[in-house]
Structure formats: C-alpha cells, structure tokens
Amino acid sequence: MTIDELAQAAIASDALRLRQFTQDWLREHPCITDSPAPASQDPTTRIIAAALVELFAQRSGQASPTWTESIGSLREPLFLLKSASTMPRLRQLCQAESPQPLRRRNLFAPANFLEFA
C-alpha cells in the first residue's frame, strides 16, 4: 500500500476505499516518521499525501516525515467528503473543524476524519 493510493482514493472521494487503504497503510507503516514520499509527481496527489501523513503522525504522536516540509498547499479548497459539496452545513462544519494538517494545505474534512479507519 502506498501513500499515493491513499491520496488517489481521497481525490476520487471514495470513502470506503480510503478507509480500507488507511488501515492497510497504517499497519504497514507503524513508524510514520520514516514513511516514504509519494512517487507521483502530480502536485495534488503530493499535497494530499503530505496532509494525510501529517494527520496520521499528529494523531499517533510521531514527527512528520521530513519530505512533507517541501510540499505546499492547494490553490483552491478541496473538501474530502463528497457530500460537503451539496450540504452547506456540512461544508461549514468541515471549514470550522478540519484538522490542522489538512486545513493548512487547503483541504477540509470533519474533525474526526479517518479516526475510525
């Protein structure tokens, strides 16, 4: 399982696949600090990968991998829940409560995003 695959599932708004990939990835990478950078050169994939890895590192009390430091943020906001595009209250909730590793890269999701993956 690669971080690229997680990022692609997030881009596709495939919540079920993203949760499963997250479980697999976390099982394969218990030391998040040492996890490899995404192979993709696609900026969106790299940004989402960095945000997810930083989120997992924060939640597990680990340092983020150094490769995340060189990755910027999206120009336009991206909501990681498909339903946020049609539900204004959910969209507002995501904007207000999105975890910091996501928000700083212009990604938005509920505060408990992928906690129960």
N, C-alpha and C. Protein backbone atom coordinates (compact mmCIF):
# COMPACT_ATOMS: atom_id res chain seq x y z
N MET A 1 0.84 -1.17 0.00
CA MET A 1 0.00 0.00 0.00
C MET A 1 0.89 1.24 0.00
N THR A 2 0.60 2.18 -0.88
CA THR A 2 1.41 3.40 -0.94
C THR A 2 0.57 4.62 -0.56
N ILE A 3 1.24 5.65 -0.15
CA ILE A 3 0.55 6.90 0.19
C ILE A 3 -0.09 7.49 -1.06
N ASP A 4 0.45 7.20 -2.23
CA ASP A 4 -0.15 7.65 -3.49
C ASP A 4 -1.56 7.06 -3.64
N GLU A 5 -1.71 5.79 -3.28
CA GLU A 5 -3.02 5.15 -3.39
C GLU A 5 -4.04 5.77 -2.44
N LEU A 6 -3.60 6.14 -1.25
CA LEU A 6 -4.50 6.83 -0.32
C LEU A 6 -4.92 8.17 -0.90
N ALA A 7 -3.96 8.90 -1.42
CA ALA A 7 -4.27 10.22 -1.98
C ALA A 7 -5.23 10.09 -3.16
N GLN A 8 -5.04 9.10 -3.99
CA GLN A 8 -5.93 8.91 -5.14
C GLN A 8 -7.35 8.56 -4.69
N ALA A 9 -7.48 7.76 -3.65
CA ALA A 9 -8.81 7.45 -3.11
C ALA A 9 -9.47 8.70 -2.56
N ALA A 10 -8.69 9.57 -1.92
CA ALA A 10 -9.23 10.83 -1.40
C ALA A 10 -9.68 11.74 -2.55
N ILE A 11 -8.89 11.83 -3.60
CA ILE A 11 -9.23 12.65 -4.76
C ILE A 11 -10.53 12.14 -5.39
N ALA A 12 -10.68 10.83 -5.44
CA ALA A 12 -11.88 10.22 -6.05
C ALA A 12 -13.10 10.27 -5.13
N SER A 13 -12.91 10.79 -3.92
CA SER A 13 -13.99 10.82 -2.91
C SER A 13 -14.55 9.43 -2.65
N ASP A 14 -13.68 8.44 -2.66
CA ASP A 14 -14.07 7.06 -2.41
C ASP A 14 -13.81 6.76 -0.93
N ALA A 15 -14.77 7.09 -0.09
CA ALA A 15 -14.61 6.99 1.36
C ALA A 15 -14.33 5.57 1.83
N LEU A 16 -15.02 4.61 1.27
CA LEU A 16 -14.84 3.22 1.69
C LEU A 16 -13.42 2.74 1.37
N ARG A 17 -12.99 3.00 0.15
CA ARG A 17 -11.63 2.60 -0.25
C ARG A 17 -10.59 3.37 0.57
N LEU A 18 -10.82 4.64 0.82
CA LEU A 18 -9.87 5.43 1.60
C LEU A 18 -9.73 4.89 3.01
N ARG A 19 -10.84 4.52 3.65
CA ARG A 19 -10.75 3.94 5.00
C ARG A 19 -9.97 2.63 4.99
N GLN A 20 -10.25 1.77 4.02
CA GLN A 20 -9.55 0.49 3.94
C GLN A 20 -8.06 0.71 3.66
N PHE A 21 -7.75 1.58 2.71
CA PHE A 21 -6.35 1.87 2.40
C PHE A 21 -5.63 2.46 3.61
N THR A 22 -6.33 3.31 4.37
CA THR A 22 -5.73 3.91 5.56
C THR A 22 -5.36 2.83 6.57
N GLN A 23 -6.27 1.90 6.82
CA GLN A 23 -5.98 0.80 7.75
C GLN A 23 -4.76 0.02 7.28
N ASP A 24 -4.73 -0.30 5.99
CA ASP A 24 -3.61 -1.07 5.44
C ASP A 24 -2.30 -0.28 5.55
N TRP A 25 -2.36 0.99 5.18
CA TRP A 25 -1.15 1.81 5.18
C TRP A 25 -0.59 1.97 6.59
N LEU A 26 -1.47 2.24 7.56
CA LEU A 26 -1.01 2.41 8.94
C LEU A 26 -0.43 1.11 9.50
N ARG A 27 -0.99 -0.01 9.11
CA ARG A 27 -0.46 -1.31 9.56
C ARG A 27 0.94 -1.54 8.96
N GLU A 28 1.12 -1.12 7.71
CA GLU A 28 2.40 -1.31 7.03
C GLU A 28 3.46 -0.27 7.41
N HIS A 29 3.03 0.86 7.96
CA HIS A 29 3.95 1.95 8.30
C HIS A 29 3.75 2.40 9.74
N PRO A 30 4.10 1.55 10.71
CA PRO A 30 3.91 1.95 12.11
C PRO A 30 4.80 3.14 12.51
N CYS A 31 5.94 3.27 11.86
CA CYS A 31 6.82 4.42 12.10
C CYS A 31 6.57 5.43 10.98
N ILE A 32 5.61 6.30 11.22
CA ILE A 32 5.19 7.26 10.19
C ILE A 32 6.33 8.21 9.81
N THR A 33 7.17 8.53 10.76
CA THR A 33 8.28 9.44 10.52
C THR A 33 9.17 8.97 9.38
N ASP A 34 9.29 7.66 9.22
CA ASP A 34 10.15 7.08 8.19
C ASP A 34 9.41 6.71 6.91
N SER A 35 8.15 7.06 6.80
CA SER A 35 7.38 6.65 5.63
C SER A 35 7.90 7.36 4.38
N PRO A 36 7.87 6.65 3.26
CA PRO A 36 8.41 7.21 2.02
C PRO A 36 7.50 8.28 1.40
N ALA A 37 8.12 9.16 0.67
CA ALA A 37 7.39 10.21 -0.06
C ALA A 37 6.58 9.59 -1.18
N PRO A 38 5.55 10.29 -1.62
CA PRO A 38 4.78 9.75 -2.76
C PRO A 38 5.66 9.68 -4.00
N ALA A 39 5.40 8.69 -4.81
CA ALA A 39 6.14 8.54 -6.07
C ALA A 39 5.61 9.48 -7.14
N SER A 40 4.35 9.82 -7.05
CA SER A 40 3.70 10.66 -8.05
C SER A 40 4.32 12.06 -8.09
N GLN A 41 4.38 12.61 -9.27
CA GLN A 41 4.83 14.00 -9.44
C GLN A 41 3.64 14.95 -9.57
N ASP A 42 2.42 14.39 -9.54
CA ASP A 42 1.21 15.21 -9.61
C ASP A 42 1.10 16.04 -8.33
N PRO A 43 1.05 17.37 -8.45
CA PRO A 43 1.02 18.23 -7.26
C PRO A 43 -0.15 17.94 -6.32
N THR A 44 -1.33 17.69 -6.85
CA THR A 44 -2.49 17.43 -6.00
C THR A 44 -2.29 16.14 -5.20
N THR A 45 -1.81 15.11 -5.85
CA THR A 45 -1.55 13.86 -5.16
C THR A 45 -0.52 14.05 -4.06
N ARG A 46 0.54 14.78 -4.35
CA ARG A 46 1.60 15.02 -3.37
C ARG A 46 1.09 15.83 -2.18
N ILE A 47 0.26 16.83 -2.44
CA ILE A 47 -0.28 17.67 -1.37
C ILE A 47 -1.20 16.86 -0.46
N ILE A 48 -2.09 16.08 -1.05
CA ILE A 48 -3.00 15.27 -0.24
C ILE A 48 -2.22 14.21 0.53
N ALA A 49 -1.24 13.60 -0.10
CA ALA A 49 -0.41 12.60 0.58
C ALA A 49 0.29 13.22 1.79
N ALA A 50 0.87 14.38 1.61
CA ALA A 50 1.55 15.05 2.72
C ALA A 50 0.59 15.38 3.85
N ALA A 51 -0.58 15.88 3.51
CA ALA A 51 -1.56 16.24 4.53
C ALA A 51 -2.01 15.01 5.31
N LEU A 52 -2.26 13.90 4.61
CA LEU A 52 -2.69 12.68 5.29
C LEU A 52 -1.60 12.13 6.21
N VAL A 53 -0.37 12.11 5.72
CA VAL A 53 0.74 11.60 6.54
C VAL A 53 0.92 12.49 7.77
N GLU A 54 0.83 13.79 7.61
CA GLU A 54 0.96 14.68 8.76
C GLU A 54 -0.19 14.47 9.75
N LEU A 55 -1.39 14.23 9.23
CA LEU A 55 -2.53 13.95 10.10
C LEU A 55 -2.29 12.67 10.90
N PHE A 56 -1.86 11.61 10.24
CA PHE A 56 -1.60 10.35 10.93
C PHE A 56 -0.47 10.50 11.95
N ALA A 57 0.56 11.24 11.59
CA ALA A 57 1.69 11.45 12.51
C ALA A 57 1.22 12.22 13.75
N GLN A 58 0.45 13.26 13.54
CA GLN A 58 -0.05 14.05 14.67
C GLN A 58 -0.89 13.19 15.61
N ARG A 59 -1.78 12.41 15.05
CA ARG A 59 -2.67 11.58 15.88
C ARG A 59 -1.92 10.48 16.63
N SER A 60 -0.80 10.03 16.10
CA SER A 60 -0.05 8.96 16.76
C SER A 60 1.11 9.49 17.60
N GLY A 61 1.24 10.81 17.68
CA GLY A 61 2.29 11.41 18.50
C GLY A 61 3.68 11.26 17.92
N GLN A 62 3.75 11.12 16.59
CA GLN A 62 5.05 10.99 15.92
C GLN A 62 5.37 12.27 15.15
N ALA A 63 6.63 12.41 14.79
CA ALA A 63 7.04 13.52 13.94
C ALA A 63 6.67 13.19 12.50
N SER A 64 6.35 14.21 11.75
CA SER A 64 6.06 14.02 10.32
C SER A 64 7.36 13.74 9.57
N PRO A 65 7.29 13.00 8.49
CA PRO A 65 8.49 12.78 7.68
C PRO A 65 9.01 14.12 7.14
N THR A 66 10.30 14.24 6.97
CA THR A 66 10.88 15.50 6.51
C THR A 66 10.42 15.88 5.11
N TRP A 67 10.06 14.89 4.28
CA TRP A 67 9.65 15.21 2.91
C TRP A 67 8.38 16.05 2.86
N THR A 68 7.57 16.03 3.91
CA THR A 68 6.32 16.81 3.89
C THR A 68 6.59 18.31 3.94
N GLU A 69 7.74 18.70 4.47
CA GLU A 69 8.06 20.13 4.63
C GLU A 69 8.16 20.86 3.29
N SER A 70 8.52 20.17 2.24
CA SER A 70 8.75 20.82 0.95
C SER A 70 7.49 20.85 0.07
N ILE A 71 6.38 20.40 0.58
CA ILE A 71 5.15 20.33 -0.21
C ILE A 71 4.20 21.44 0.22
N GLY A 72 3.70 22.16 -0.76
CA GLY A 72 2.83 23.31 -0.50
C GLY A 72 1.38 22.93 -0.26
N SER A 73 0.50 23.83 -0.65
CA SER A 73 -0.94 23.61 -0.45
C SER A 73 -1.68 23.84 -1.76
N LEU A 74 -2.90 23.39 -1.79
CA LEU A 74 -3.75 23.58 -2.96
C LEU A 74 -4.14 25.04 -3.11
N ARG A 75 -4.32 25.48 -4.34
CA ARG A 75 -4.77 26.86 -4.58
C ARG A 75 -6.24 27.02 -4.23
N GLU A 76 -7.03 26.02 -4.59
CA GLU A 76 -8.47 26.04 -4.33
C GLU A 76 -8.80 25.05 -3.23
N PRO A 77 -9.76 25.35 -2.38
CA PRO A 77 -10.14 24.40 -1.32
C PRO A 77 -10.66 23.09 -1.92
N LEU A 78 -10.36 22.02 -1.23
CA LEU A 78 -10.86 20.70 -1.62
C LEU A 78 -11.50 20.07 -0.40
N PHE A 79 -12.75 19.68 -0.54
CA PHE A 79 -13.47 19.02 0.54
C PHE A 79 -13.35 17.52 0.33
N LEU A 80 -12.88 16.82 1.36
CA LEU A 80 -12.61 15.41 1.25
C LEU A 80 -13.85 14.53 1.45
N LEU A 81 -14.97 15.15 1.74
CA LEU A 81 -16.25 14.44 1.78
C LEU A 81 -17.07 14.93 0.60
N LYS A 82 -17.47 14.02 -0.25
CA LYS A 82 -18.25 14.37 -1.43
C LYS A 82 -19.52 15.14 -1.06
N SER A 83 -20.17 14.75 0.03
CA SER A 83 -21.43 15.36 0.42
C SER A 83 -21.28 16.82 0.87
N ALA A 84 -20.08 17.26 1.17
CA ALA A 84 -19.87 18.66 1.56
C ALA A 84 -20.18 19.62 0.42
N SER A 85 -20.14 19.13 -0.81
CA SER A 85 -20.44 20.00 -1.95
C SER A 85 -21.93 20.29 -2.08
N THR A 86 -22.77 19.45 -1.49
CA THR A 86 -24.21 19.65 -1.61
C THR A 86 -24.89 19.98 -0.28
N MET A 87 -24.15 19.87 0.81
CA MET A 87 -24.72 20.12 2.13
C MET A 87 -24.01 21.31 2.79
N PRO A 88 -24.61 22.50 2.73
CA PRO A 88 -23.94 23.69 3.25
C PRO A 88 -23.53 23.59 4.72
N ARG A 89 -24.32 22.97 5.55
CA ARG A 89 -23.96 22.86 6.98
C ARG A 89 -22.74 21.96 7.17
N LEU A 90 -22.68 20.88 6.41
CA LEU A 90 -21.52 20.00 6.49
C LEU A 90 -20.28 20.73 5.98
N ARG A 91 -20.44 21.48 4.93
CA ARG A 91 -19.33 22.27 4.38
C ARG A 91 -18.81 23.25 5.44
N GLN A 92 -19.71 23.94 6.12
CA GLN A 92 -19.32 24.88 7.17
C GLN A 92 -18.62 24.16 8.32
N LEU A 93 -19.14 22.99 8.69
CA LEU A 93 -18.53 22.21 9.75
C LEU A 93 -17.10 21.82 9.38
N CYS A 94 -16.93 21.37 8.15
CA CYS A 94 -15.59 21.00 7.68
C CYS A 94 -14.64 22.20 7.71
N GLN A 95 -15.12 23.34 7.28
CA GLN A 95 -14.28 24.54 7.28
C GLN A 95 -13.90 24.94 8.69
N ALA A 96 -14.81 24.79 9.63
CA ALA A 96 -14.56 25.21 11.01
C ALA A 96 -13.72 24.20 11.79
N GLU A 97 -13.88 22.91 11.51
CA GLU A 97 -13.29 21.90 12.37
C GLU A 97 -12.24 21.00 11.71
N SER A 98 -11.90 21.27 10.48
CA SER A 98 -10.93 20.43 9.79
C SER A 98 -9.61 20.38 10.57
N PRO A 99 -9.02 19.19 10.71
CA PRO A 99 -7.74 19.09 11.41
C PRO A 99 -6.67 19.98 10.77
N GLN A 100 -5.84 20.53 11.59
CA GLN A 100 -4.81 21.49 11.15
C GLN A 100 -3.93 20.97 10.01
N PRO A 101 -3.47 19.70 10.03
CA PRO A 101 -2.64 19.25 8.91
C PRO A 101 -3.37 19.31 7.56
N LEU A 102 -4.68 19.14 7.58
CA LEU A 102 -5.45 19.24 6.34
C LEU A 102 -5.68 20.71 5.98
N ARG A 103 -6.15 21.45 6.96
CA ARG A 103 -6.54 22.85 6.73
C ARG A 103 -5.37 23.68 6.19
N ARG A 104 -4.19 23.44 6.69
CA ARG A 104 -3.06 24.27 6.24
C ARG A 104 -2.67 23.99 4.79
N ARG A 105 -3.19 22.91 4.24
CA ARG A 105 -2.95 22.60 2.82
C ARG A 105 -4.21 22.83 1.98
N ASN A 106 -5.19 23.53 2.59
CA ASN A 106 -6.45 23.91 1.92
C ASN A 106 -7.34 22.70 1.64
N LEU A 107 -7.27 21.71 2.53
CA LEU A 107 -8.12 20.52 2.48
C LEU A 107 -9.06 20.58 3.67
N PHE A 108 -10.30 20.13 3.47
CA PHE A 108 -11.29 20.24 4.53
C PHE A 108 -12.05 18.94 4.71
N ALA A 109 -12.23 18.57 5.98
CA ALA A 109 -12.96 17.36 6.37
C ALA A 109 -13.39 17.56 7.82
N PRO A 110 -14.30 16.73 8.31
CA PRO A 110 -14.68 16.84 9.72
C PRO A 110 -13.50 16.55 10.65
N ALA A 111 -13.61 17.00 11.87
CA ALA A 111 -12.53 16.84 12.85
C ALA A 111 -12.12 15.38 13.04
N ASN A 112 -13.06 14.46 12.93
CA ASN A 112 -12.76 13.04 13.17
C ASN A 112 -12.46 12.28 11.88
N PHE A 113 -12.11 12.98 10.82
CA PHE A 113 -11.84 12.36 9.53
C PHE A 113 -10.78 11.27 9.66
N LEU A 114 -11.12 10.07 9.27
CA LEU A 114 -10.27 8.87 9.26
C LEU A 114 -9.82 8.42 10.65
N GLU A 115 -10.44 8.92 11.70
CA GLU A 115 -10.08 8.42 13.05
C GLU A 115 -10.45 6.97 13.22
N PHE A 116 -11.54 6.57 12.64
CA PHE A 116 -12.04 5.21 12.83
C PHE A 116 -11.84 4.38 11.57
N ALA A 117 -10.76 4.63 10.88
CA ALA A 117 -10.49 3.92 9.62
C ALA A 117 -10.30 2.44 9.87
